[in-house]
Amino acid sequence: MDGGSVYAMKFVTLQGTFFIKAGESEETVRKYAKVAEPLRQCDIPQPKLFIHRDGSYLSPTGFSVYEFYLGEASSNPTVQQADALMTYLGKYNRCLAGIPLPPDTYSIDELARRTGIFERSDSLDYLLDQFTATVSWQTVSARSKDICFDSLNFLSSVRDEFTRLKKQLIHGDLVPGNILYQDDTVVAIIDFSPYYESHLYSVCICLYWHFIFMRDGQVDLGSIERALQVYASAHPVSEPERSLLFPMLVKAAGRYLCAKIGFNQIEPRFSEDDIDGMAAMVTRLFDARSALERCL
């Protein structure tokens, strides 16, 4: 499917149209079901997950089956779509904040035990305390190494402030492909990826992907400023939170740089040019710091 995974497909039958995924665990799918219902109660649509005859969420061949939502992803949303997204995200985060942790959904300890490098890289403690010791730095260009260390040093300087931020369940993968639109309306945010973080982190992940990464690595100041204003009208943002918006953007951008560097230690997949490109985006973010802090 366009924008989707090779493990996902649209399936049309006489009974209806469905979205089928392979590779999910029974545990992961059950947890999605626990989150989906509170979101629906907040009037936030979520694709229905169908239950197998034996009560499991996976078929005997390992497929999960979801209701298919009509909608299109956009890597370059219009102004109206971007406004709709940030309004929707504000409501979405307010609802997720009301889902108790633990034991009803994801426990804090469980989220901390995630083992994939991309997941571990969301943890500031992991990045600051363990990451650099796991990397064979001779495989990384000097420029990317310097930018990576500069980012981590900067994040270390605000570590205590990050620790004091209120945390909640959030969607940690708000890439353009997980936002579905019909015209200028957000139909749904899909592919829920649970993290226990400040609501600001989900916002900054969304801003990074839509207004930096998808802008060829250029920082789209105007779109970021407008998006934050719209979000703040839908979800309160305290003054201490506002003061940490720039560091949170650095964390969102730095996370992807560190994750790619770390992944290459396990399985060389990303080229030096690819990693240098991610590092350049972090540099541009720091270059725009003064302007970003004024608009934030």
C-alpha atoms as a PDB file:
ATOM      1  CA  MET A   1       0.000   0.000   0.000  1.00  0.00           C
ATOM      2  CA  ASP A   2       1.136   3.551  -0.701  1.00  0.00           C
ATOM      3  CA  GLY A   3       2.995   4.868   2.332  1.00  0.00           C
ATOM      4  CA  GLY A   4       2.534   1.574   4.164  1.00  0.00           C
ATOM      5  CA  SER A   5       4.516  -1.500   4.991  1.00  0.00           C
ATOM      6  CA  VAL A   6       5.194  -4.547   2.819  1.00  0.00           C
ATOM      7  CA  TYR A   7       3.481  -6.459   5.629  1.00  0.00           C
ATOM      8  CA  ALA A   8       0.179  -4.629   5.162  1.00  0.00           C
ATOM      9  CA  MET A   9      -2.468  -4.878   2.482  1.00  0.00           C
ATOM     10  CA  LYS A  10      -5.940  -3.724   1.550  1.00  0.00           C
ATOM     11  CA  PHE A  11      -8.321  -6.682   1.258  1.00  0.00           C
ATOM     12  CA  VAL A  12     -11.679  -6.330  -0.520  1.00  0.00           C
ATOM     13  CA  THR A  13     -14.410  -8.918   0.097  1.00  0.00           C
ATOM     14  CA  LEU A  14     -18.168  -9.158  -0.353  1.00  0.00           C
ATOM     15  CA  GLN A  15     -18.469  -8.424   3.374  1.00  0.00           C
ATOM     16  CA  GLY A  16     -16.443  -5.220   3.161  1.00  0.00           C
ATOM     17  CA  THR A  17     -12.959  -3.759   2.844  1.00  0.00           C
ATOM     18  CA  PHE A  18     -10.337  -4.550   5.452  1.00  0.00           C
ATOM     19  CA  PHE A  19      -6.765  -3.638   6.335  1.00  0.00           C
ATOM     20  CA  ILE A  20      -4.634  -6.712   7.034  1.00  0.00           C
ATOM     21  CA  LYS A  21      -1.241  -6.672   8.754  1.00  0.00           C
ATOM     22  CA  ALA A  22       1.355  -9.352   9.395  1.00  0.00           C
ATOM     23  CA  GLY A  23       4.204  -9.317  11.875  1.00  0.00           C
ATOM     24  CA  GLU A  24       2.338  -7.954  14.899  1.00  0.00           C
ATOM     25  CA  SER A  25       2.359  -9.893  18.169  1.00  0.00           C
ATOM     26  CA  GLU A  26      -0.832 -10.908  19.956  1.00  0.00           C
ATOM     27  CA  GLU A  27       0.274  -8.795  22.932  1.00  0.00           C
ATOM     28  CA  THR A  28       0.812  -5.679  20.800  1.00  0.00           C
ATOM     29  CA  VAL A  29      -2.552  -6.013  19.082  1.00  0.00           C
ATOM     30  CA  ARG A  30      -4.401  -6.559  22.361  1.00  0.00           C
ATOM     31  CA  LYS A  31      -2.869  -3.403  23.746  1.00  0.00           C
ATOM     32  CA  TYR A  32      -3.983  -1.432  20.706  1.00  0.00           C
ATOM     33  CA  ALA A  33      -7.526  -2.642  21.424  1.00  0.00           C
ATOM     34  CA  LYS A  34      -7.278  -1.328  25.004  1.00  0.00           C
ATOM     35  CA  VAL A  35      -6.228   2.127  23.798  1.00  0.00           C
ATOM     36  CA  ALA A  36      -8.645   2.294  20.856  1.00  0.00           C
ATOM     37  CA  GLU A  37     -11.784   2.108  22.977  1.00  0.00           C
ATOM     38  CA  PRO A  38     -11.005   5.122  25.232  1.00  0.00           C
ATOM     39  CA  LEU A  39     -10.084   7.110  22.107  1.00  0.00           C
ATOM     40  CA  ARG A  40     -13.452   6.288  20.526  1.00  0.00           C
ATOM     41  CA  GLN A  41     -15.172   7.400  23.727  1.00  0.00           C
ATOM     42  CA  CYS A  42     -13.419  10.758  23.235  1.00  0.00           C
ATOM     43  CA  ASP A  43     -14.946  10.881  19.730  1.00  0.00           C
ATOM     44  CA  ILE A  44     -11.571  10.118  18.136  1.00  0.00           C
ATOM     45  CA  PRO A  45     -12.141   7.460  15.465  1.00  0.00           C
ATOM     46  CA  GLN A  46      -9.967   4.364  15.532  1.00  0.00           C
ATOM     47  CA  PRO A  47     -10.110   1.440  13.090  1.00  0.00           C
ATOM     48  CA  LYS A  48     -12.009  -1.495  14.546  1.00  0.00           C
ATOM     49  CA  LEU A  49      -9.878  -4.561  15.280  1.00  0.00           C
ATOM     50  CA  PHE A  50     -11.605  -7.841  14.496  1.00  0.00           C
ATOM     51  CA  ILE A  51     -11.437 -10.822  16.867  1.00  0.00           C
ATOM     52  CA  HIS A  52     -10.796 -14.361  15.655  1.00  0.00           C
ATOM     53  CA  ARG A  53     -13.278 -17.134  16.454  1.00  0.00           C
ATOM     54  CA  ASP A  54     -11.079 -18.434  19.271  1.00  0.00           C
ATOM     55  CA  GLY A  55     -10.967 -15.013  20.939  1.00  0.00           C
ATOM     56  CA  SER A  56      -7.484 -14.063  19.750  1.00  0.00           C
ATOM     57  CA  TYR A  57      -6.668 -11.008  17.659  1.00  0.00           C
ATOM     58  CA  LEU A  58      -4.346 -12.880  15.287  1.00  0.00           C
ATOM     59  CA  SER A  59      -5.399 -15.451  12.719  1.00  0.00           C
ATOM     60  CA  PRO A  60      -3.712 -18.888  12.791  1.00  0.00           C
ATOM     61  CA  THR A  61      -1.413 -17.606  10.014  1.00  0.00           C
ATOM     62  CA  GLY A  62      -0.412 -14.519  12.040  1.00  0.00           C
ATOM     63  CA  PHE A  63      -2.544 -11.765  10.469  1.00  0.00           C
ATOM     64  CA  SER A  64      -4.431  -9.027  12.288  1.00  0.00           C
ATOM     65  CA  VAL A  65      -7.504  -7.591  10.573  1.00  0.00           C
ATOM     66  CA  TYR A  66      -8.661  -3.991  10.928  1.00  0.00           C
ATOM     67  CA  GLU A  67     -11.511  -1.932   9.583  1.00  0.00           C
ATOM     68  CA  PHE A  68     -10.312  -0.088   6.466  1.00  0.00           C
ATOM     69  CA  TYR A  69     -10.458   3.696   6.664  1.00  0.00           C
ATOM     70  CA  LEU A  70     -10.845   5.751   3.538  1.00  0.00           C
ATOM     71  CA  GLY A  71      -8.271   8.500   3.627  1.00  0.00           C
ATOM     72  CA  GLU A  72      -5.011   9.648   2.121  1.00  0.00           C
ATOM     73  CA  ALA A  73      -1.683  10.392   3.751  1.00  0.00           C
ATOM     74  CA  SER A  74       0.144  13.564   2.758  1.00  0.00           C
ATOM     75  CA  SER A  75       3.864  14.268   3.029  1.00  0.00           C
ATOM     76  CA  ASN A  76       3.176  17.925   2.249  1.00  0.00           C
ATOM     77  CA  PRO A  77      -0.098  18.888   3.952  1.00  0.00           C
ATOM     78  CA  THR A  78      -1.915  22.056   2.978  1.00  0.00           C
ATOM     79  CA  VAL A  79      -2.246  24.844   5.528  1.00  0.00           C
ATOM     80  CA  GLN A  80      -5.791  23.675   6.204  1.00  0.00           C
ATOM     81  CA  GLN A  81      -4.678  20.073   6.670  1.00  0.00           C
ATOM     82  CA  ALA A  82      -1.850  21.101   8.985  1.00  0.00           C
ATOM     83  CA  ASP A  83      -4.280  23.154  11.088  1.00  0.00           C
ATOM     84  CA  ALA A  84      -6.672  20.201  11.236  1.00  0.00           C
ATOM     85  CA  LEU A  85      -3.828  17.869  12.234  1.00  0.00           C
ATOM     86  CA  MET A  86      -2.648  20.014  15.146  1.00  0.00           C
ATOM     87  CA  THR A  87      -6.208  20.532  16.397  1.00  0.00           C
ATOM     88  CA  TYR A  88      -6.805  16.789  16.166  1.00  0.00           C
ATOM     89  CA  LEU A  89      -3.493  16.043  17.916  1.00  0.00           C
ATOM     90  CA  GLY A  90      -4.405  18.346  20.788  1.00  0.00           C
ATOM     91  CA  LYS A  91      -7.652  16.450  21.347  1.00  0.00           C
ATOM     92  CA  TYR A  92      -5.872  13.125  20.845  1.00  0.00           C
ATOM     93  CA  ASN A  93      -3.256  13.904  23.503  1.00  0.00           C
ATOM     94  CA  ARG A  94      -5.868  15.153  25.967  1.00  0.00           C
ATOM     95  CA  CYS A  95      -7.665  11.838  25.635  1.00  0.00           C
ATOM     96  CA  LEU A  96      -4.493   9.732  25.948  1.00  0.00           C
ATOM     97  CA  ALA A  97      -3.616  11.629  29.135  1.00  0.00           C
ATOM     98  CA  GLY A  98      -6.748  10.178  30.718  1.00  0.00           C
ATOM     99  CA  ILE A  99      -5.770   6.558  30.079  1.00  0.00           C
ATOM    100  CA  PRO A 100      -4.349   5.197  33.338  1.00  0.00           C
ATOM    101  CA  LEU A 101      -0.886   3.674  33.550  1.00  0.00           C
ATOM    102  CA  PRO A 102      -0.417   1.027  34.881  1.00  0.00           C
ATOM    103  CA  PRO A 103      -2.114  -1.527  34.918  1.00  0.00           C
ATOM    104  CA  ASP A 104      -4.870  -1.019  32.383  1.00  0.00           C
ATOM    105  CA  THR A 105      -2.698  -0.546  29.315  1.00  0.00           C
ATOM    106  CA  TYR A 106       1.066  -0.122  29.009  1.00  0.00           C
ATOM    107  CA  SER A 107       3.084  -0.149  32.193  1.00  0.00           C
ATOM    108  CA  ILE A 108       5.903   2.355  32.536  1.00  0.00           C
ATOM    109  CA  ASP A 109       8.431  -0.444  33.157  1.00  0.00           C
ATOM    110  CA  GLU A 110       7.265  -2.274  30.059  1.00  0.00           C
ATOM    111  CA  LEU A 111       7.764   0.760  27.855  1.00  0.00           C
ATOM    112  CA  ALA A 112      11.257   1.195  29.298  1.00  0.00           C
ATOM    113  CA  ARG A 113      12.156  -2.381  28.371  1.00  0.00           C
ATOM    114  CA  ARG A 114      11.603  -1.959  24.630  1.00  0.00           C
ATOM    115  CA  THR A 115      14.580  -3.503  22.898  1.00  0.00           C
ATOM    116  CA  GLY A 116      14.749  -2.126  19.339  1.00  0.00           C
ATOM    117  CA  ILE A 117      17.392   0.525  18.700  1.00  0.00           C
ATOM    118  CA  PHE A 118      14.823   2.953  17.293  1.00  0.00           C
ATOM    119  CA  GLU A 119      12.677   2.474  20.393  1.00  0.00           C
ATOM    120  CA  ARG A 120      15.589   2.689  22.849  1.00  0.00           C
ATOM    121  CA  SER A 121      16.709   5.912  21.187  1.00  0.00           C
ATOM    122  CA  ASP A 122      13.527   7.589  22.400  1.00  0.00           C
ATOM    123  CA  SER A 123      14.869   7.269  25.934  1.00  0.00           C
ATOM    124  CA  LEU A 124      16.985  10.235  26.979  1.00  0.00           C
ATOM    125  CA  ASP A 125      18.543   8.117  29.719  1.00  0.00           C
ATOM    126  CA  TYR A 126      19.665   5.560  27.131  1.00  0.00           C
ATOM    127  CA  LEU A 127      21.078   8.213  24.798  1.00  0.00           C
ATOM    128  CA  LEU A 128      22.988  10.005  27.547  1.00  0.00           C
ATOM    129  CA  ASP A 129      24.125   7.030  29.629  1.00  0.00           C
ATOM    130  CA  GLN A 130      24.643   4.138  27.218  1.00  0.00           C
ATOM    131  CA  PHE A 131      24.445   5.036  23.539  1.00  0.00           C
ATOM    132  CA  THR A 132      27.920   6.421  22.836  1.00  0.00           C
ATOM    133  CA  ALA A 133      29.605   3.363  24.379  1.00  0.00           C
ATOM    134  CA  THR A 134      27.747   1.048  21.972  1.00  0.00           C
ATOM    135  CA  VAL A 135      29.038   2.718  18.802  1.00  0.00           C
ATOM    136  CA  SER A 136      32.198   1.969  16.854  1.00  0.00           C
ATOM    137  CA  TRP A 137      32.773   5.609  15.924  1.00  0.00           C
ATOM    138  CA  GLN A 138      35.328   4.918  13.204  1.00  0.00           C
ATOM    139  CA  THR A 139      32.361   3.839  11.063  1.00  0.00           C
ATOM    140  CA  VAL A 140      30.806   7.323  11.363  1.00  0.00           C
ATOM    141  CA  SER A 141      32.050  10.467   9.610  1.00  0.00           C
ATOM    142  CA  ALA A 142      33.797  12.997  11.833  1.00  0.00           C
ATOM    143  CA  ARG A 143      31.131  15.594  11.055  1.00  0.00           C
ATOM    144  CA  SER A 144      28.213  13.347  12.010  1.00  0.00           C
ATOM    145  CA  LYS A 145      30.028  12.218  15.162  1.00  0.00           C
ATOM    146  CA  ASP A 146      30.594  15.845  16.231  1.00  0.00           C
ATOM    147  CA  ILE A 147      26.961  16.765  15.607  1.00  0.00           C
ATOM    148  CA  CYS A 148      25.760  13.712  17.489  1.00  0.00           C
ATOM    149  CA  PHE A 149      27.931  14.528  20.523  1.00  0.00           C
ATOM    150  CA  ASP A 150      26.955  18.219  20.393  1.00  0.00           C
ATOM    151  CA  SER A 151      23.281  17.233  20.440  1.00  0.00           C
ATOM    152  CA  LEU A 152      23.726  14.858  23.347  1.00  0.00           C
ATOM    153  CA  ASN A 153      25.714  17.448  25.319  1.00  0.00           C
ATOM    154  CA  PHE A 154      22.945  19.973  24.749  1.00  0.00           C
ATOM    155  CA  LEU A 155      20.274  17.490  25.859  1.00  0.00           C
ATOM    156  CA  SER A 156      22.334  16.639  28.920  1.00  0.00           C
ATOM    157  CA  SER A 157      22.158  20.309  29.958  1.00  0.00           C
ATOM    158  CA  VAL A 158      18.345  20.151  30.123  1.00  0.00           C
ATOM    159  CA  ARG A 159      18.034  16.622  31.466  1.00  0.00           C
ATOM    160  CA  ASP A 160      16.704  17.697  34.856  1.00  0.00           C
ATOM    161  CA  GLU A 161      14.088  19.938  33.244  1.00  0.00           C
ATOM    162  CA  PHE A 162      12.964  17.077  31.010  1.00  0.00           C
ATOM    163  CA  THR A 163      12.650  14.820  34.053  1.00  0.00           C
ATOM    164  CA  ARG A 164      10.233  17.259  35.676  1.00  0.00           C
ATOM    165  CA  LEU A 165       7.848  17.298  32.715  1.00  0.00           C
ATOM    166  CA  LYS A 166       4.577  15.466  33.261  1.00  0.00           C
ATOM    167  CA  LYS A 167       4.503  12.239  31.252  1.00  0.00           C
ATOM    168  CA  GLN A 168       1.624  10.343  29.710  1.00  0.00           C
ATOM    169  CA  LEU A 169       0.865   7.774  27.051  1.00  0.00           C
ATOM    170  CA  ILE A 170       1.571   9.235  23.584  1.00  0.00           C
ATOM    171  CA  HIS A 171       1.779   8.133  19.966  1.00  0.00           C
ATOM    172  CA  GLY A 172       5.514   8.090  19.263  1.00  0.00           C
ATOM    173  CA  ASP A 173       5.436   7.670  15.482  1.00  0.00           C
ATOM    174  CA  LEU A 174       3.513  10.607  14.006  1.00  0.00           C
ATOM    175  CA  VAL A 175       5.064  10.341  10.564  1.00  0.00           C
ATOM    176  CA  PRO A 176       3.038  11.632   7.588  1.00  0.00           C
ATOM    177  CA  GLY A 177       2.088   8.076   6.581  1.00  0.00           C
ATOM    178  CA  ASN A 178       0.219   7.596   9.868  1.00  0.00           C
ATOM    179  CA  ILE A 179      -2.072  10.606   9.356  1.00  0.00           C
ATOM    180  CA  LEU A 180      -5.117  10.041   7.125  1.00  0.00           C
ATOM    181  CA  TYR A 181      -7.001  12.949   5.548  1.00  0.00           C
ATOM    182  CA  GLN A 182     -10.172  13.384   3.572  1.00  0.00           C
ATOM    183  CA  ASP A 183      -9.848  16.749   1.878  1.00  0.00           C
ATOM    184  CA  ASP A 184      -8.918  19.147   4.710  1.00  0.00           C
ATOM    185  CA  THR A 185     -10.145  16.901   7.524  1.00  0.00           C
ATOM    186  CA  VAL A 186      -8.121  14.432   9.573  1.00  0.00           C
ATOM    187  CA  VAL A 187      -9.895  11.084   9.397  1.00  0.00           C
ATOM    188  CA  ALA A 188      -7.638   9.240  11.823  1.00  0.00           C
ATOM    189  CA  ILE A 189      -4.191   8.867  13.305  1.00  0.00           C
ATOM    190  CA  ILE A 190      -3.246   5.219  12.807  1.00  0.00           C
ATOM    191  CA  ASP A 191      -0.528   2.674  13.643  1.00  0.00           C
ATOM    192  CA  PHE A 192      -0.447   3.559  17.337  1.00  0.00           C
ATOM    193  CA  SER A 193       3.105   3.339  18.730  1.00  0.00           C
ATOM    194  CA  PRO A 194       3.027   3.689  22.526  1.00  0.00           C
ATOM    195  CA  TYR A 195       5.538   5.764  24.433  1.00  0.00           C
ATOM    196  CA  TYR A 196       5.444   7.227  27.923  1.00  0.00           C
ATOM    197  CA  GLU A 197       6.576  10.809  27.452  1.00  0.00           C
ATOM    198  CA  SER A 198       5.487  14.440  27.621  1.00  0.00           C
ATOM    199  CA  HIS A 199       2.742  15.317  25.163  1.00  0.00           C
ATOM    200  CA  LEU A 200       5.264  17.803  23.728  1.00  0.00           C
ATOM    201  CA  TYR A 201       7.388  14.942  22.436  1.00  0.00           C
ATOM    202  CA  SER A 202       4.596  13.710  20.187  1.00  0.00           C
ATOM    203  CA  VAL A 203       4.110  17.275  18.945  1.00  0.00           C
ATOM    204  CA  CYS A 204       7.815  17.694  18.194  1.00  0.00           C
ATOM    205  CA  ILE A 205       8.017  14.336  16.410  1.00  0.00           C
ATOM    206  CA  CYS A 206       5.114  15.505  14.254  1.00  0.00           C
ATOM    207  CA  LEU A 207       6.756  18.889  13.590  1.00  0.00           C
ATOM    208  CA  TYR A 208      10.097  17.301  12.762  1.00  0.00           C
ATOM    209  CA  TRP A 209       8.662  14.940  10.168  1.00  0.00           C
ATOM    210  CA  HIS A 210       6.249  17.350   8.529  1.00  0.00           C
ATOM    211  CA  PHE A 211       8.160  20.636   8.632  1.00  0.00           C
ATOM    212  CA  ILE A 212      11.833  19.643   8.636  1.00  0.00           C
ATOM    213  CA  PHE A 213      12.400  16.155   7.246  1.00  0.00           C
ATOM    214  CA  MET A 214       9.759  16.465   4.515  1.00  0.00           C
ATOM    215  CA  ARG A 215      11.045  19.944   3.667  1.00  0.00           C
ATOM    216  CA  ASP A 216      14.332  18.484   2.412  1.00  0.00           C
ATOM    217  CA  GLY A 217      15.848  19.043   5.818  1.00  0.00           C
ATOM    218  CA  GLN A 218      15.115  22.782   5.833  1.00  0.00           C
ATOM    219  CA  VAL A 219      13.448  24.226   8.939  1.00  0.00           C
ATOM    220  CA  ASP A 220      10.052  25.624   7.899  1.00  0.00           C
ATOM    221  CA  LEU A 221       9.762  28.292  10.613  1.00  0.00           C
ATOM    222  CA  GLY A 222       6.436  29.701   9.468  1.00  0.00           C
ATOM    223  CA  SER A 223       4.707  26.328   9.406  1.00  0.00           C
ATOM    224  CA  ILE A 224       6.166  25.335  12.789  1.00  0.00           C
ATOM    225  CA  GLU A 225       5.046  28.596  14.411  1.00  0.00           C
ATOM    226  CA  ARG A 226       1.522  28.300  13.025  1.00  0.00           C
ATOM    227  CA  ALA A 227       1.278  24.612  13.960  1.00  0.00           C
ATOM    228  CA  LEU A 228       2.255  25.324  17.565  1.00  0.00           C
ATOM    229  CA  GLN A 229      -0.250  28.162  17.830  1.00  0.00           C
ATOM    230  CA  VAL A 230      -3.024  25.891  16.587  1.00  0.00           C
ATOM    231  CA  TYR A 231      -1.969  23.075  18.917  1.00  0.00           C
ATOM    232  CA  ALA A 232      -1.855  25.424  21.918  1.00  0.00           C
ATOM    233  CA  SER A 233      -5.431  26.494  21.167  1.00  0.00           C
ATOM    234  CA  ALA A 234      -6.503  22.831  21.399  1.00  0.00           C
ATOM    235  CA  HIS A 235      -4.247  21.682  24.249  1.00  0.00           C
ATOM    236  CA  PRO A 236      -2.800  23.804  27.062  1.00  0.00           C
ATOM    237  CA  VAL A 237       0.966  24.328  26.969  1.00  0.00           C
ATOM    238  CA  SER A 238       2.489  25.639  30.204  1.00  0.00           C
ATOM    239  CA  GLU A 239       5.337  28.139  30.358  1.00  0.00           C
ATOM    240  CA  PRO A 240       7.841  25.510  31.561  1.00  0.00           C
ATOM    241  CA  GLU A 241       6.766  23.340  28.637  1.00  0.00           C
ATOM    242  CA  ARG A 242       7.161  26.213  26.175  1.00  0.00           C
ATOM    243  CA  SER A 243      10.704  26.791  27.407  1.00  0.00           C
ATOM    244  CA  LEU A 244      11.556  23.183  26.514  1.00  0.00           C
ATOM    245  CA  LEU A 245      10.025  23.078  23.046  1.00  0.00           C
ATOM    246  CA  PHE A 246      13.324  23.724  21.295  1.00  0.00           C
ATOM    247  CA  PRO A 247      15.205  21.063  23.305  1.00  0.00           C
ATOM    248  CA  MET A 248      12.340  18.659  22.601  1.00  0.00           C
ATOM    249  CA  LEU A 249      12.713  19.327  18.871  1.00  0.00           C
ATOM    250  CA  VAL A 250      16.429  18.583  19.228  1.00  0.00           C
ATOM    251  CA  LYS A 251      15.559  15.328  20.961  1.00  0.00           C
ATOM    252  CA  ALA A 252      13.130  14.379  18.168  1.00  0.00           C
ATOM    253  CA  ALA A 253      15.707  15.104  15.457  1.00  0.00           C
ATOM    254  CA  GLY A 254      18.668  13.713  17.388  1.00  0.00           C
ATOM    255  CA  ARG A 255      16.810  10.518  18.129  1.00  0.00           C
ATOM    256  CA  TYR A 256      16.641   9.600  14.444  1.00  0.00           C
ATOM    257  CA  LEU A 257      20.306  10.420  13.913  1.00  0.00           C
ATOM    258  CA  CYS A 258      21.374   8.304  16.893  1.00  0.00           C
ATOM    259  CA  ALA A 259      19.031   5.473  15.955  1.00  0.00           C
ATOM    260  CA  LYS A 260      20.480   5.193  12.446  1.00  0.00           C
ATOM    261  CA  ILE A 261      24.024   5.274  13.771  1.00  0.00           C
ATOM    262  CA  GLY A 262      23.115   2.629  16.332  1.00  0.00           C
ATOM    263  CA  PHE A 263      21.289   0.448  13.829  1.00  0.00           C
ATOM    264  CA  ASN A 264      24.357   0.341  11.606  1.00  0.00           C
ATOM    265  CA  GLN A 265      26.284  -1.243  14.477  1.00  0.00           C
ATOM    266  CA  ILE A 266      23.891  -4.191  14.266  1.00  0.00           C
ATOM    267  CA  GLU A 267      23.203  -4.340  10.552  1.00  0.00           C
ATOM    268  CA  PRO A 268      24.838  -1.913   8.088  1.00  0.00           C
ATOM    269  CA  ARG A 269      21.809  -0.488   6.326  1.00  0.00           C
ATOM    270  CA  PHE A 270      22.228   3.265   6.177  1.00  0.00           C
ATOM    271  CA  SER A 271      24.893   4.858   4.013  1.00  0.00           C
ATOM    272  CA  GLU A 272      27.327   7.473   5.266  1.00  0.00           C
ATOM    273  CA  ASP A 273      25.539  10.033   3.084  1.00  0.00           C
ATOM    274  CA  ASP A 274      22.213   9.088   4.670  1.00  0.00           C
ATOM    275  CA  ILE A 275      23.549   9.572   8.192  1.00  0.00           C
ATOM    276  CA  ASP A 276      25.362  12.775   7.215  1.00  0.00           C
ATOM    277  CA  GLY A 277      22.059  14.041   5.817  1.00  0.00           C
ATOM    278  CA  MET A 278      20.320  13.370   9.142  1.00  0.00           C
ATOM    279  CA  ALA A 279      23.156  15.144  10.936  1.00  0.00           C
ATOM    280  CA  ALA A 280      22.809  18.143   8.620  1.00  0.00           C
ATOM    281  CA  MET A 281      19.145  18.461   9.633  1.00  0.00           C
ATOM    282  CA  VAL A 282      20.186  18.636  13.289  1.00  0.00           C
ATOM    283  CA  THR A 283      22.724  21.328  12.404  1.00  0.00           C
ATOM    284  CA  ARG A 284      20.063  23.374  10.603  1.00  0.00           C
ATOM    285  CA  LEU A 285      17.842  23.037  13.654  1.00  0.00           C
ATOM    286  CA  PHE A 286      20.553  24.547  15.856  1.00  0.00           C
ATOM    287  CA  ASP A 287      21.222  27.244  13.237  1.00  0.00           C
ATOM    288  CA  ALA A 288      17.552  28.214  13.488  1.00  0.00           C
ATOM    289  CA  ARG A 289      17.542  28.130  17.287  1.00  0.00           C
ATOM    290  CA  SER A 290      17.093  31.869  17.899  1.00  0.00           C
ATOM    291  CA  ALA A 291      14.293  32.145  15.358  1.00  0.00           C
ATOM    292  CA  LEU A 292      12.617  28.995  16.690  1.00  0.00           C
ATOM    293  CA  GLU A 293      12.781  30.173  20.286  1.00  0.00           C
ATOM    294  CA  ARG A 294      11.157  33.468  19.284  1.00  0.00           C
ATOM    295  CA  CYS A 295       8.284  31.721  17.511  1.00  0.00           C
ATOM    296  CA  LEU A 296       7.927  29.082  20.227  1.00  0.00           C
END
